Amino acid sequence: LALEKLQARGDEPVQITGVYNEFTGWFSGGTIASGGAVKAAVKSGRLPTKLLRDPYILAPGVEGADSAVGTHNGFPRGFQWQLDLSFGLLIDFVMAGINANVVRRSLALRHLASSCTYRECASVGYLFRNLVTWLAHGFGFFVGEPINLKPRPGQGPPQWLIQRGGFTIHVTAATKDKTRSATTRVSGRGDPGYGATAKMLGEVGLSLAFDADKTRPVPGVPAGGVLTPSTALGSVLVQRLTRKGVLEVR
């Protein structure tokens, strides 16, 4: 959305940055197990370390603008923090390596990987938002649903956190010379995984079933295959998610 707002010209180099200043929820047991499985695969040699350093791991064979950086979050290796005039102190974000890979697949499918880079991080404020929410509920003991500190696959946050969690991300697309930029703010209510993402997945399924006649093909993107929600459904999905109150886009 930010890229569309910017209206970059042709193959004009563009830097896209996603900054989370809210990500309130708790870990999923399945996510923790997946992380453990990746570490085990690397240790056993089944997953080459080289793949873990490929920003386009979900777009095999693609050499794009992020290839030179060689990290999944899009920041130089060893990135820990940096100061930003708009968001204050920026830090590494736990989900950036997963989210950014999907974004880059979308860029590759749109034939924009060579001109657009993507990086993702968080404002340190999101940690304090989480802490305030947890403390206000006594980590769940005050409401009779304590947070499970070691969730197993299939287990996640308690119901009160699923309802009261949320996320906000600011995505900025800027030209390389920084003379032009555009920012889109996307937010959703509910635990980012079990609340917001679950609703999004449901609406994606409904959109695939009922919105086919409204979907306009994205230029250059195949009509089928392993697509992303952005490339398969585009603005139709955004309109559905905002209409249903799943997302708020500004």
Protein backbone atom coordinates (compact mmCIF):
# COMPACT_ATOMS: atom_id res chain seq x y z
CA LEU A 1 0.00 0.00 0.00
CA ALA A 2 2.82 2.40 0.86
CA LEU A 3 4.53 1.50 -2.42
CA GLU A 4 1.35 2.25 -4.36
CA LYS A 5 1.04 5.59 -2.56
CA LEU A 6 4.61 6.48 -3.46
CA GLN A 7 3.99 5.80 -7.17
CA ALA A 8 7.63 5.05 -7.89
CA ARG A 9 8.71 5.38 -11.49
CA GLY A 10 9.65 2.17 -13.32
CA ASP A 11 12.69 0.53 -11.73
CA GLU A 12 13.39 3.48 -9.41
CA PRO A 13 15.17 2.18 -6.27
CA VAL A 14 12.85 2.16 -3.26
CA GLN A 15 13.52 1.32 0.41
CA ILE A 16 10.49 -0.09 2.27
CA THR A 17 10.65 -0.16 6.06
CA GLY A 18 8.14 -1.72 8.43
CA VAL A 19 8.21 -0.58 12.07
CA TYR A 20 6.02 -2.18 14.73
CA ASN A 21 5.22 0.10 17.66
CA GLU A 22 2.63 -2.30 19.05
CA PHE A 23 2.66 -6.10 19.13
CA THR A 24 0.79 -7.12 22.25
CA GLY A 25 0.15 -10.81 22.83
CA TRP A 26 1.96 -14.00 23.77
CA PHE A 27 3.90 -16.80 22.14
CA SER A 28 2.27 -19.73 20.39
CA GLY A 29 3.48 -23.20 21.30
CA GLY A 30 3.59 -24.08 17.61
CA THR A 31 5.81 -21.08 16.82
CA ILE A 32 8.25 -22.06 19.57
CA ALA A 33 8.28 -25.67 18.32
CA SER A 34 8.93 -24.49 14.75
CA GLY A 35 11.88 -22.41 15.92
CA GLY A 36 13.27 -25.43 17.75
CA ALA A 37 12.84 -27.58 14.64
CA VAL A 38 14.78 -25.07 12.53
CA LYS A 39 17.66 -25.05 15.04
CA ALA A 40 17.69 -28.86 15.09
CA ALA A 41 17.72 -28.99 11.27
CA VAL A 42 20.69 -26.59 11.14
CA LYS A 43 22.57 -28.53 13.81
CA SER A 44 22.05 -31.82 11.98
CA GLY A 45 23.09 -30.35 8.64
CA ARG A 46 19.70 -30.93 6.99
CA LEU A 47 19.24 -27.16 6.64
CA PRO A 48 22.33 -25.41 5.21
CA THR A 49 23.30 -22.22 7.02
CA LYS A 50 23.58 -20.56 3.61
CA LEU A 51 19.82 -20.80 3.18
CA LEU A 52 19.22 -19.05 6.49
CA ARG A 53 21.24 -16.11 5.18
CA ASP A 54 19.29 -15.84 1.92
CA PRO A 55 16.76 -12.97 2.07
CA TYR A 56 14.93 -14.59 -0.85
CA ILE A 57 14.63 -18.05 0.68
CA LEU A 58 10.92 -18.08 -0.32
CA ALA A 59 11.72 -16.96 -3.87
CA PRO A 60 14.32 -19.53 -5.01
CA GLY A 61 16.74 -18.33 -7.66
CA VAL A 62 15.99 -14.65 -7.16
CA GLU A 63 18.88 -12.22 -6.81
CA GLY A 64 17.36 -8.98 -5.60
CA ALA A 65 18.22 -5.66 -4.05
CA ASP A 66 18.35 -7.27 -0.58
CA SER A 67 20.79 -10.00 -1.61
CA ALA A 68 23.80 -7.82 -0.75
CA VAL A 69 22.56 -7.34 2.84
CA GLY A 70 22.30 -11.08 3.39
CA THR A 71 19.89 -11.03 6.34
CA HIS A 72 16.23 -11.90 6.70
CA ASN A 73 15.23 -8.76 8.60
CA GLY A 74 16.84 -6.52 5.96
CA PHE A 75 19.25 -4.80 8.36
CA PRO A 76 23.02 -5.28 8.36
CA ARG A 77 24.24 -8.40 10.14
CA GLY A 78 24.59 -7.76 13.86
CA PHE A 79 21.93 -5.05 13.93
CA GLN A 80 20.74 -4.42 17.49
CA TRP A 81 19.42 -0.88 17.62
CA GLN A 82 19.41 2.52 15.98
CA LEU A 83 17.82 5.90 16.65
CA ASP A 84 15.01 7.16 14.43
CA LEU A 85 13.48 10.64 14.40
CA SER A 86 9.93 9.31 14.00
CA PHE A 87 9.93 6.20 16.21
CA GLY A 88 12.76 6.75 18.66
CA LEU A 89 14.86 3.70 19.47
CA LEU A 90 14.50 0.91 16.90
CA ILE A 91 15.40 -2.66 17.82
CA ASP A 92 15.40 -6.09 16.20
CA PHE A 93 11.91 -7.62 15.95
CA VAL A 94 11.38 -11.29 16.76
CA MET A 95 9.07 -11.95 13.78
CA ALA A 96 10.92 -9.82 11.22
CA GLY A 97 12.83 -12.69 9.67
CA ILE A 98 9.59 -14.54 8.92
CA ASN A 99 7.47 -11.57 7.83
CA ALA A 100 10.13 -10.04 5.59
CA ASN A 101 10.61 -13.25 3.62
CA VAL A 102 6.92 -13.26 2.66
CA VAL A 103 7.08 -9.59 1.64
CA ARG A 104 10.08 -10.31 -0.57
CA ARG A 105 8.23 -13.16 -2.26
CA SER A 106 5.46 -10.69 -3.06
CA LEU A 107 8.01 -8.25 -4.47
CA ALA A 108 9.62 -11.02 -6.53
CA LEU A 109 6.25 -12.13 -7.95
CA ARG A 110 5.56 -8.50 -8.89
CA HIS A 111 9.02 -8.27 -10.54
CA LEU A 112 10.09 -5.58 -8.06
CA ALA A 113 12.80 -7.50 -6.20
CA SER A 114 15.61 -5.82 -8.14
CA SER A 115 14.47 -2.29 -7.30
CA CYS A 116 12.76 -2.58 -3.90
CA THR A 117 14.37 -3.53 -0.60
CA TYR A 118 12.43 -4.42 2.55
CA ARG A 119 13.49 -4.31 6.17
CA GLU A 120 11.51 -4.76 9.37
CA CYS A 121 12.06 -3.86 13.01
CA ALA A 122 10.22 -2.53 16.06
CA SER A 123 10.15 0.52 18.25
CA VAL A 124 11.35 -0.30 21.75
CA GLY A 125 8.00 1.06 22.96
CA TYR A 126 6.25 -2.15 21.91
CA LEU A 127 8.04 -4.00 24.73
CA PHE A 128 6.70 -1.54 27.31
CA ARG A 129 3.17 -1.84 25.87
CA ASN A 130 3.38 -5.59 26.34
CA LEU A 131 4.71 -5.28 29.87
CA VAL A 132 1.98 -2.81 30.90
CA THR A 133 -0.74 -5.13 29.56
CA TRP A 134 0.70 -8.18 31.33
CA LEU A 135 1.22 -6.34 34.62
CA ALA A 136 -2.25 -4.73 34.54
CA HIS A 137 -3.71 -8.25 34.55
CA GLY A 138 -1.15 -9.75 36.93
CA PHE A 139 0.07 -11.96 34.07
CA GLY A 140 -3.46 -13.34 34.01
CA PHE A 141 -3.71 -14.30 37.67
CA PHE A 142 -6.01 -11.33 38.37
CA VAL A 143 -8.57 -12.65 35.86
CA GLY A 144 -8.17 -16.37 36.57
CA GLU A 145 -6.31 -17.14 33.33
CA PRO A 146 -2.56 -17.02 33.92
CA ILE A 147 -0.26 -16.81 30.92
CA ASN A 148 1.24 -20.18 30.02
CA LEU A 149 4.98 -19.53 30.10
CA LYS A 150 5.81 -22.78 28.30
CA PRO A 151 3.02 -23.39 25.77
CA ARG A 152 3.04 -26.66 23.83
CA PRO A 153 2.04 -26.95 20.15
CA GLY A 154 -1.66 -26.16 19.98
CA GLN A 155 -1.48 -23.91 23.02
CA GLY A 156 -1.28 -20.13 22.97
CA PRO A 157 -2.28 -17.01 24.88
CA PRO A 158 -5.22 -16.95 27.35
CA GLN A 159 -8.59 -15.68 26.17
CA TRP A 160 -8.24 -12.25 27.83
CA LEU A 161 -5.00 -11.62 25.93
CA ILE A 162 -6.45 -12.89 22.65
CA GLN A 163 -9.15 -10.23 23.05
CA ARG A 164 -7.04 -7.38 24.44
CA GLY A 165 -3.88 -7.79 22.39
CA GLY A 166 -3.20 -5.98 19.16
CA PHE A 167 -0.62 -4.75 16.69
CA THR A 168 0.29 -1.61 14.78
CA ILE A 169 2.87 -1.36 12.01
CA HIS A 170 3.95 1.72 10.07
CA VAL A 171 5.23 0.88 6.58
CA THR A 172 7.20 3.59 4.80
CA ALA A 173 8.31 3.48 1.17
CA ALA A 174 11.00 6.02 0.28
CA THR A 175 13.05 6.74 -2.81
CA LYS A 176 16.77 6.12 -2.56
CA ASP A 177 17.51 9.87 -2.47
CA LYS A 178 14.78 10.25 0.22
CA THR A 179 13.14 13.13 -1.62
CA ARG A 180 9.79 11.32 -1.72
CA SER A 181 8.15 8.94 0.75
CA ALA A 182 4.75 7.54 1.67
CA THR A 183 3.63 5.84 4.87
CA THR A 184 0.77 3.45 5.56
CA ARG A 185 -0.34 2.58 9.10
CA VAL A 186 -1.95 -0.84 9.58
CA SER A 187 -3.40 -1.97 12.90
CA GLY A 188 -5.56 -4.79 14.21
CA ARG A 189 -7.09 -5.84 17.50
CA GLY A 190 -6.56 -9.17 19.19
CA ASP A 191 -3.44 -11.20 19.92
CA PRO A 192 -1.38 -10.87 16.70
CA GLY A 193 -1.33 -14.65 16.20
CA TYR A 194 -4.41 -16.27 17.73
CA GLY A 195 -6.58 -13.16 17.36
CA ALA A 196 -5.71 -10.95 14.37
CA THR A 197 -3.96 -13.49 12.11
CA ALA A 198 -6.67 -16.10 12.70
CA LYS A 199 -9.30 -13.60 11.51
CA MET A 200 -7.19 -12.69 8.49
CA LEU A 201 -6.82 -16.33 7.46
CA GLY A 202 -10.57 -16.80 7.69
CA GLU A 203 -11.21 -13.73 5.53
CA VAL A 204 -8.60 -14.87 2.98
CA GLY A 205 -10.53 -18.13 2.58
CA LEU A 206 -13.83 -16.27 2.19
CA SER A 207 -12.25 -13.89 -0.30
CA LEU A 208 -10.91 -16.77 -2.40
CA ALA A 209 -14.39 -18.33 -2.39
CA PHE A 210 -16.55 -15.27 -2.99
CA ASP A 211 -14.44 -12.42 -4.40
CA ALA A 212 -12.99 -14.03 -7.53
CA ASP A 213 -15.15 -11.89 -9.81
CA LYS A 214 -13.90 -8.71 -8.10
CA THR A 215 -10.20 -9.55 -8.10
CA ARG A 216 -8.12 -7.80 -10.73
CA PRO A 217 -5.01 -9.68 -11.90
CA VAL A 218 -1.76 -8.10 -10.71
CA PRO A 219 0.34 -7.25 -13.81
CA GLY A 220 3.03 -9.86 -14.37
CA VAL A 221 1.86 -12.15 -11.55
CA PRO A 222 0.85 -15.72 -12.53
CA ALA A 223 -2.83 -16.58 -12.17
CA GLY A 224 -1.97 -19.58 -10.00
CA GLY A 225 0.83 -21.21 -8.05
CA VAL A 226 2.32 -20.39 -4.67
CA LEU A 227 1.11 -16.82 -4.33
CA THR A 228 0.93 -14.52 -1.32
CA PRO A 229 -2.32 -12.86 -0.16
CA SER A 230 -1.05 -9.57 -1.59
CA THR A 231 -0.41 -10.96 -5.07
CA ALA A 232 -3.43 -13.29 -5.17
CA LEU A 233 -6.12 -10.93 -3.89
CA GLY A 234 -4.61 -7.45 -3.71
CA SER A 235 -6.85 -4.52 -2.82
CA VAL A 236 -9.96 -6.73 -2.70
CA LEU A 237 -8.61 -8.44 0.42
CA VAL A 238 -7.64 -5.12 2.02
CA GLN A 239 -11.16 -3.80 1.44
CA ARG A 240 -12.68 -6.95 2.94
CA LEU A 241 -10.44 -6.84 6.01
CA THR A 242 -11.17 -3.16 6.68
CA ARG A 243 -14.91 -3.58 6.02
CA LYS A 244 -15.06 -6.45 8.51
CA GLY A 245 -13.11 -4.48 11.10
CA VAL A 246 -10.17 -6.91 11.09
CA LEU A 247 -7.72 -4.19 10.01
CA GLU A 248 -7.58 -0.42 10.14
CA VAL A 249 -5.54 1.12 7.33
CA ARG A 250 -4.50 4.77 7.18
